[in-house]
Amino acid sequence: MIENQVLGDALRAFEDTTAMAATVVQLNLGHCDTGADARIRLGQNVLDAEIKARLTPATLGPALAQLKYLPGPAVLVAPYVTPPMAERLKALDVPFIDAAGNAFLHMGETFVFVTGRKPARVPIKARTLRVFRATGLRIVFALLCVPELANAPYREVAEKAGVALGSVNVAFNELTRLGFLQKTKARGRVLEQRQRLVDTWVDAYARELRPRLNPRRFRVDRLDWWKDEDLARLDLWLGGEPAAAVLTRYLRPQVVTLYGGAGFADLARRIRPVKDEHGNFEVLEPFWRFEVTQPVPGHHLTPPLLVYADLLSTAEERNLETAAMIRERYLG
């Protein structure tokens, strides 16, 4: 497995850089739902390891969320952590090691912080299974949001996910091989290891699918415009921070995320968005075709799983805290 190679390289690099022992205590703990990928020892400290075959700004948030759900002290392991990301992890007090010898560890009397080391070779490029590429992710999203689709005819699954019929067979076969889909006598096909599948989908969504949804960024003068609009009439879906605010009554939105197509032109005439790549308003294309059950009546929100994923994609601490609330209340 690529993850095991990443771990081995990172442990050797940690030893070379710090002269501290770095060993594996146990591998492949992740077969249990929400379990760690491994347990390792760094010096005198035993930590659960969350291993990422690649770590980018887009996938940092999902990685941090997965670390949070590990039962004990945990460390992030990656092929390479850039200096800006290293500073970010240090500020968040998140231990990490990478295959270049960069590391942060602050436990008891142990303090290690190494940054700026370059990889000795090109980091390993992980192969993405088809089920976790853009088309497959649409199918998995539909299954996670509408679990009964796991036992529906392939044609219905394709229709609800907005994909070609042949893609469903490929996705179902891979999900079965990975242990996420099981065929039972009593209930037919059912999803298994749901929380692990949520984590895998969220990580891949930020990397594989979200960039393909024609994301556009704008700036608007009034950030709470969405409170006065009938988004259902416009076939527009509120996501991200404002949707999280509705679901939790906790977050104060600073960026508005909207999913929609033709109805956006009608909306734009009223709120007058100005293109700004760093603006406070983003618009993406919807990618699902199933009916969304609204947990809060009177609103037109994207499914909670997508709200969760969009919060994590920001990797901002205030959004990570709110995302944890959404996971506990709506994704269990």
Protein backbone atom coordinates (compact mmCIF):
# COMPACT_ATOMS: atom_id res chain seq x y z
CA MET A 1 0.00 0.00 0.00
CA ILE A 2 1.21 3.51 -0.81
CA GLU A 3 0.22 4.67 2.68
CA ASN A 4 2.56 2.10 4.26
CA GLN A 5 5.43 3.29 2.07
CA VAL A 6 4.71 6.91 3.02
CA LEU A 7 4.75 5.91 6.69
CA GLY A 8 8.03 4.00 6.36
CA ASP A 9 9.72 6.91 4.56
CA ALA A 10 8.43 9.42 7.13
CA LEU A 11 9.62 7.35 10.10
CA ARG A 12 13.11 6.98 8.62
CA ALA A 13 13.26 10.70 7.85
CA PHE A 14 12.16 11.54 11.41
CA GLU A 15 14.94 9.39 12.83
CA ASP A 16 17.54 10.94 10.51
CA THR A 17 16.44 14.49 11.33
CA THR A 18 15.93 14.21 15.08
CA ALA A 19 18.09 11.22 16.14
CA MET A 20 14.98 9.96 17.97
CA ALA A 21 13.64 6.44 17.50
CA ALA A 22 10.60 6.12 15.25
CA THR A 23 8.89 2.74 14.93
CA VAL A 24 5.61 1.09 14.00
CA VAL A 25 3.59 -0.36 16.86
CA GLN A 26 0.70 -1.67 14.76
CA LEU A 27 -0.45 -1.32 11.15
CA ASN A 28 -3.84 -1.25 9.42
CA LEU A 29 -5.99 -0.19 12.34
CA GLY A 30 -8.19 1.63 9.83
CA HIS A 31 -10.18 -1.48 9.01
CA CYS A 32 -12.37 -0.45 11.96
CA ASP A 33 -14.83 2.38 11.37
CA THR A 34 -13.13 5.73 12.18
CA GLY A 35 -9.95 3.84 13.17
CA ALA A 36 -6.38 5.03 12.68
CA ASP A 37 -4.22 3.87 9.78
CA ALA A 38 -1.46 2.83 12.17
CA ARG A 39 -0.07 3.29 15.66
CA ILE A 40 3.53 4.52 15.89
CA ARG A 41 6.12 5.47 18.48
CA LEU A 42 8.09 8.71 18.14
CA GLY A 43 10.70 8.81 20.88
CA GLN A 44 8.74 7.94 24.02
CA ASN A 45 5.38 9.00 22.57
CA VAL A 46 2.83 6.54 21.15
CA LEU A 47 0.41 8.10 18.66
CA ASP A 48 -2.30 7.02 16.26
CA ALA A 49 -1.31 7.90 12.69
CA GLU A 50 -3.54 9.36 9.98
CA ILE A 51 -1.61 8.72 6.75
CA LYS A 52 -2.24 10.77 3.61
CA ALA A 53 -0.76 9.74 0.27
CA ARG A 54 -0.99 13.43 -0.66
CA LEU A 55 -1.71 16.54 1.35
CA THR A 56 -2.84 19.78 -0.26
CA PRO A 57 -4.54 22.95 1.01
CA ALA A 58 -7.84 21.58 -0.34
CA THR A 59 -7.52 18.30 1.59
CA LEU A 60 -6.02 19.71 4.79
CA GLY A 61 -9.44 20.31 6.36
CA PRO A 62 -10.68 16.74 5.85
CA ALA A 63 -7.37 15.44 7.23
CA LEU A 64 -7.74 17.57 10.36
CA ALA A 65 -11.30 16.35 10.83
CA GLN A 66 -10.19 12.73 10.60
CA LEU A 67 -7.46 13.33 13.17
CA LYS A 68 -10.07 14.76 15.53
CA TYR A 69 -12.07 11.53 15.48
CA LEU A 70 -9.17 9.27 16.40
CA PRO A 71 -9.50 8.05 20.00
CA GLY A 72 -6.02 8.92 21.28
CA PRO A 73 -3.13 11.34 20.61
CA ALA A 74 -2.64 11.45 16.86
CA VAL A 75 -0.11 12.51 14.24
CA LEU A 76 -0.57 13.41 10.58
CA VAL A 77 1.78 11.58 8.20
CA ALA A 78 2.31 12.78 4.61
CA PRO A 79 4.88 12.61 1.79
CA TYR A 80 5.57 16.34 2.06
CA VAL A 81 4.37 19.26 4.21
CA THR A 82 5.14 22.68 2.75
CA PRO A 83 6.48 25.44 5.04
CA PRO A 84 3.17 27.38 5.04
CA MET A 85 1.25 24.21 5.87
CA ALA A 86 3.80 23.32 8.55
CA GLU A 87 3.26 26.71 10.19
CA ARG A 88 -0.49 26.23 9.98
CA LEU A 89 -0.32 22.81 11.64
CA LYS A 90 2.00 24.11 14.35
CA ALA A 91 -0.40 26.98 15.06
CA LEU A 92 -3.21 24.45 15.41
CA ASP A 93 -0.99 22.23 17.62
CA VAL A 94 -1.34 19.31 15.20
CA PRO A 95 1.64 16.90 15.23
CA PHE A 96 2.96 15.85 11.80
CA ILE A 97 5.87 14.09 10.14
CA ASP A 98 6.71 13.80 6.46
CA ALA A 99 9.06 11.85 4.21
CA ALA A 100 11.35 14.88 3.77
CA GLY A 101 12.14 15.05 7.49
CA ASN A 102 9.85 17.96 8.35
CA ALA A 103 8.04 17.44 11.64
CA PHE A 104 6.19 18.99 14.53
CA LEU A 105 5.74 17.23 17.86
CA HIS A 106 4.96 18.86 21.19
CA MET A 107 4.12 16.32 23.86
CA GLY A 108 5.29 16.46 27.47
CA GLU A 109 8.98 17.38 27.48
CA THR A 110 9.34 16.57 23.77
CA PHE A 111 9.39 19.48 21.35
CA VAL A 112 10.35 19.06 17.70
CA PHE A 113 9.77 21.51 14.87
CA VAL A 114 11.54 21.04 11.55
CA THR A 115 10.42 22.81 8.40
CA GLY A 116 11.82 23.83 5.02
CA ARG A 117 13.36 20.47 4.12
CA LYS A 118 12.71 19.45 0.50
CA PRO A 119 11.83 15.90 -0.59
CA ALA A 120 14.81 13.87 -1.76
CA ARG A 121 12.66 12.53 -4.59
CA VAL A 122 9.35 13.30 -6.22
CA PRO A 123 6.60 12.36 -3.73
CA ILE A 124 4.71 9.19 -4.51
CA LYS A 125 1.69 9.80 -6.71
CA ALA A 126 -1.24 7.76 -5.47
CA ARG A 127 -3.56 6.18 -8.02
CA THR A 128 -7.16 7.25 -7.48
CA LEU A 129 -9.74 4.48 -7.91
CA ARG A 130 -12.52 5.26 -10.39
CA VAL A 131 -15.13 5.26 -7.63
CA PHE A 132 -13.31 8.20 -6.02
CA ARG A 133 -12.91 10.22 -9.18
CA ALA A 134 -15.46 12.82 -10.25
CA THR A 135 -18.12 10.49 -11.68
CA GLY A 136 -17.79 7.86 -8.97
CA LEU A 137 -18.01 10.53 -6.28
CA ARG A 138 -21.42 11.59 -7.60
CA ILE A 139 -22.61 8.02 -7.14
CA VAL A 140 -21.16 7.68 -3.64
CA PHE A 141 -22.72 11.02 -2.68
CA ALA A 142 -26.14 9.80 -3.77
CA LEU A 143 -25.70 6.56 -1.79
CA LEU A 144 -24.63 8.39 1.37
CA CYS A 145 -27.49 10.88 1.14
CA VAL A 146 -30.15 8.36 0.07
CA PRO A 147 -29.03 5.00 1.56
CA GLU A 148 -31.93 3.05 0.03
CA LEU A 149 -30.38 3.65 -3.40
CA ALA A 150 -27.81 0.97 -2.52
CA ASN A 151 -30.54 -1.59 -3.21
CA ALA A 152 -32.16 0.23 -6.13
CA PRO A 153 -31.83 -0.72 -9.82
CA TYR A 154 -28.67 0.64 -11.45
CA ARG A 155 -30.75 2.79 -13.79
CA GLU A 156 -32.38 4.59 -10.86
CA VAL A 157 -29.00 5.13 -9.18
CA ALA A 158 -27.61 6.58 -12.42
CA GLU A 159 -30.58 8.93 -12.71
CA LYS A 160 -30.34 10.20 -9.12
CA ALA A 161 -26.57 10.65 -9.34
CA GLY A 162 -26.65 12.27 -12.78
CA VAL A 163 -24.20 9.81 -14.38
CA ALA A 164 -24.12 7.28 -17.21
CA LEU A 165 -25.56 3.84 -16.46
CA GLY A 166 -22.27 2.01 -17.01
CA SER A 167 -20.54 4.05 -14.29
CA VAL A 168 -22.80 2.59 -11.60
CA ASN A 169 -21.64 -0.99 -12.18
CA VAL A 170 -17.97 0.06 -11.92
CA ALA A 171 -18.62 2.05 -8.73
CA PHE A 172 -20.63 -0.72 -7.06
CA ASN A 173 -17.96 -3.31 -7.87
CA GLU A 174 -15.20 -1.16 -6.39
CA LEU A 175 -17.24 -0.28 -3.31
CA THR A 176 -17.89 -3.99 -2.76
CA ARG A 177 -14.21 -4.86 -3.14
CA LEU A 178 -13.26 -2.11 -0.66
CA GLY A 179 -15.77 -3.37 1.92
CA PHE A 180 -18.11 -0.37 1.70
CA LEU A 181 -20.97 -2.26 0.02
CA GLN A 182 -22.23 -5.68 1.04
CA LYS A 183 -24.93 -7.93 -0.36
CA THR A 184 -27.11 -9.52 2.32
CA LYS A 185 -29.91 -12.08 2.11
CA ALA A 186 -32.28 -10.11 4.30
CA ARG A 187 -31.81 -6.56 2.98
CA GLY A 188 -30.03 -6.89 -0.34
CA ARG A 189 -27.16 -4.43 -0.89
CA VAL A 190 -26.29 -2.22 2.10
CA LEU A 191 -23.59 0.34 2.85
CA GLU A 192 -21.00 -0.67 5.42
CA GLN A 193 -18.35 1.36 7.31
CA ARG A 194 -20.34 4.50 6.65
CA GLN A 195 -18.09 6.85 8.63
CA ARG A 196 -14.97 5.70 6.81
CA LEU A 197 -16.79 6.18 3.52
CA VAL A 198 -17.81 9.71 4.56
CA ASP A 199 -14.16 10.52 5.33
CA THR A 200 -12.96 9.07 2.04
CA TRP A 201 -15.64 10.89 0.04
CA VAL A 202 -15.00 14.26 1.69
CA ASP A 203 -11.26 14.03 1.08
CA ALA A 204 -11.72 13.05 -2.58
CA TYR A 205 -14.50 15.60 -3.17
CA ALA A 206 -12.19 18.51 -2.35
CA ARG A 207 -9.54 17.14 -4.70
CA GLU A 208 -11.43 15.51 -7.56
CA LEU A 209 -14.99 16.83 -7.88
CA ARG A 210 -15.26 20.33 -6.42
CA PRO A 211 -12.76 21.88 -8.89
CA ARG A 212 -14.90 20.50 -11.76
CA LEU A 213 -18.07 22.27 -10.64
CA ASN A 214 -17.16 25.53 -12.42
CA PRO A 215 -16.49 27.38 -9.15
CA ARG A 216 -16.84 31.15 -9.51
CA ARG A 217 -16.03 33.77 -6.90
CA PHE A 218 -17.66 37.17 -6.38
CA ARG A 219 -17.92 39.94 -3.84
CA VAL A 220 -21.26 41.26 -2.58
CA ASP A 221 -21.94 44.25 -0.35
CA ARG A 222 -24.57 42.59 1.86
CA LEU A 223 -23.59 39.12 3.07
CA ASP A 224 -27.00 38.14 4.49
CA TRP A 225 -28.90 38.62 1.20
CA TRP A 226 -29.82 34.92 1.22
CA LYS A 227 -32.22 35.45 4.14
CA ASP A 228 -34.55 37.45 1.86
CA GLU A 229 -34.50 35.20 -1.21
CA ASP A 230 -36.76 32.32 -2.24
CA LEU A 231 -33.94 30.03 -3.36
CA ALA A 232 -36.26 27.08 -4.02
CA ARG A 233 -38.13 29.12 -6.63
CA LEU A 234 -34.83 29.91 -8.33
CA ASP A 235 -33.64 26.28 -8.09
CA LEU A 236 -30.61 27.45 -6.11
CA TRP A 237 -29.15 25.65 -3.11
CA LEU A 238 -27.55 27.31 -0.11
CA GLY A 239 -24.40 25.56 1.10
CA GLY A 240 -21.23 26.10 3.08
CA GLU A 241 -21.18 28.57 5.97
CA PRO A 242 -24.74 29.99 5.76
CA ALA A 243 -26.21 26.49 5.46
CA ALA A 244 -24.14 25.46 8.47
CA ALA A 245 -25.46 28.49 10.36
CA VAL A 246 -29.04 27.35 9.64
CA LEU A 247 -28.28 23.76 10.68
CA THR A 248 -26.42 24.58 13.90
CA ARG A 249 -27.44 28.15 14.85
CA TYR A 250 -23.77 28.55 15.78
CA LEU A 251 -21.64 29.88 12.91
CA ARG A 252 -21.57 33.48 11.75
CA PRO A 253 -21.02 33.21 7.95
CA GLN A 254 -18.21 35.14 6.34
CA VAL A 255 -18.46 33.49 2.90
CA VAL A 256 -21.70 32.44 1.17
CA THR A 257 -21.67 29.27 -0.93
CA LEU A 258 -24.41 28.70 -3.49
CA TYR A 259 -25.05 25.78 -5.86
CA GLY A 260 -27.16 26.48 -8.91
CA GLY A 261 -27.42 27.23 -12.61
CA ALA A 262 -29.95 29.23 -14.61
CA GLY A 263 -31.59 30.84 -11.58
CA PHE A 264 -28.36 32.62 -10.70
CA ALA A 265 -28.87 35.25 -13.43
CA ASP A 266 -32.18 36.30 -11.85
CA LEU A 267 -30.56 36.51 -8.42
CA ALA A 268 -27.54 38.43 -9.71
CA ARG A 269 -29.74 41.28 -10.96
CA ARG A 270 -30.77 41.95 -7.36
CA ILE A 271 -27.62 41.34 -5.32
CA ARG A 272 -25.18 42.62 -8.01
CA PRO A 273 -22.16 40.38 -7.40
CA VAL A 274 -18.78 41.62 -8.67
CA LYS A 275 -16.17 39.12 -9.83
CA ASP A 276 -13.40 38.78 -7.24
CA GLU A 277 -11.26 35.66 -6.90
CA HIS A 278 -10.95 36.35 -3.16
CA GLY A 279 -14.56 37.47 -2.72
CA ASN A 280 -17.10 36.55 -0.05
CA PHE A 281 -19.53 34.74 -2.38
CA GLU A 282 -18.93 31.56 -4.38
CA VAL A 283 -21.17 29.78 -6.90
CA LEU A 284 -20.80 26.18 -8.03
CA GLU A 285 -22.80 23.83 -10.26
CA PRO A 286 -25.08 21.29 -8.52
CA PHE A 287 -24.16 17.67 -9.24
CA TRP A 288 -27.03 15.62 -7.77
CA ARG A 289 -30.49 14.75 -9.13
CA PHE A 290 -32.25 13.35 -6.05
CA GLU A 291 -34.73 15.21 -3.87
CA VAL A 292 -33.10 16.68 -0.77
CA THR A 293 -35.03 16.31 2.47
CA GLN A 294 -34.74 19.61 4.32
CA PRO A 295 -33.87 19.14 8.02
CA VAL A 296 -34.84 22.77 8.70
CA PRO A 297 -38.19 23.72 7.09
CA GLY A 298 -38.35 26.94 5.13
CA HIS A 299 -34.81 26.71 3.75
CA HIS A 300 -33.34 25.30 0.52
CA LEU A 301 -30.06 23.81 1.68
CA THR A 302 -27.62 21.41 0.05
CA PRO A 303 -27.47 17.98 1.76
CA PRO A 304 -25.69 18.12 5.15
CA LEU A 305 -22.86 15.94 3.80
CA LEU A 306 -22.03 18.64 1.26
CA VAL A 307 -22.28 21.40 3.88
CA TYR A 308 -19.82 19.38 5.97
CA ALA A 309 -17.44 18.91 3.04
CA ASP A 310 -17.48 22.59 2.08
CA LEU A 311 -16.72 23.65 5.65
CA LEU A 312 -13.76 21.26 5.82
CA SER A 313 -12.40 22.46 2.48
CA THR A 314 -11.65 25.85 4.10
CA ALA A 315 -9.47 24.26 6.84
CA GLU A 316 -10.46 27.22 9.07
CA GLU A 317 -10.73 26.46 12.76
CA ARG A 318 -14.16 28.08 13.21
CA ASN A 319 -15.52 26.01 10.32
CA LEU A 320 -13.91 22.78 11.56
CA GLU A 321 -15.67 23.21 14.89
CA THR A 322 -19.03 23.74 13.20
CA ALA A 323 -18.39 20.83 10.84
CA ALA A 324 -17.95 18.55 13.85
CA MET A 325 -21.42 19.60 15.07
CA ILE A 326 -22.95 18.81 11.68
CA ARG A 327 -21.28 15.43 11.54
CA GLU A 328 -22.56 14.51 14.99
CA ARG A 329 -26.14 15.69 14.34
CA TYR A 330 -26.70 14.77 10.69
CA LEU A 331 -24.09 12.27 9.46
CA GLY A 332 -24.15 9.59 12.14
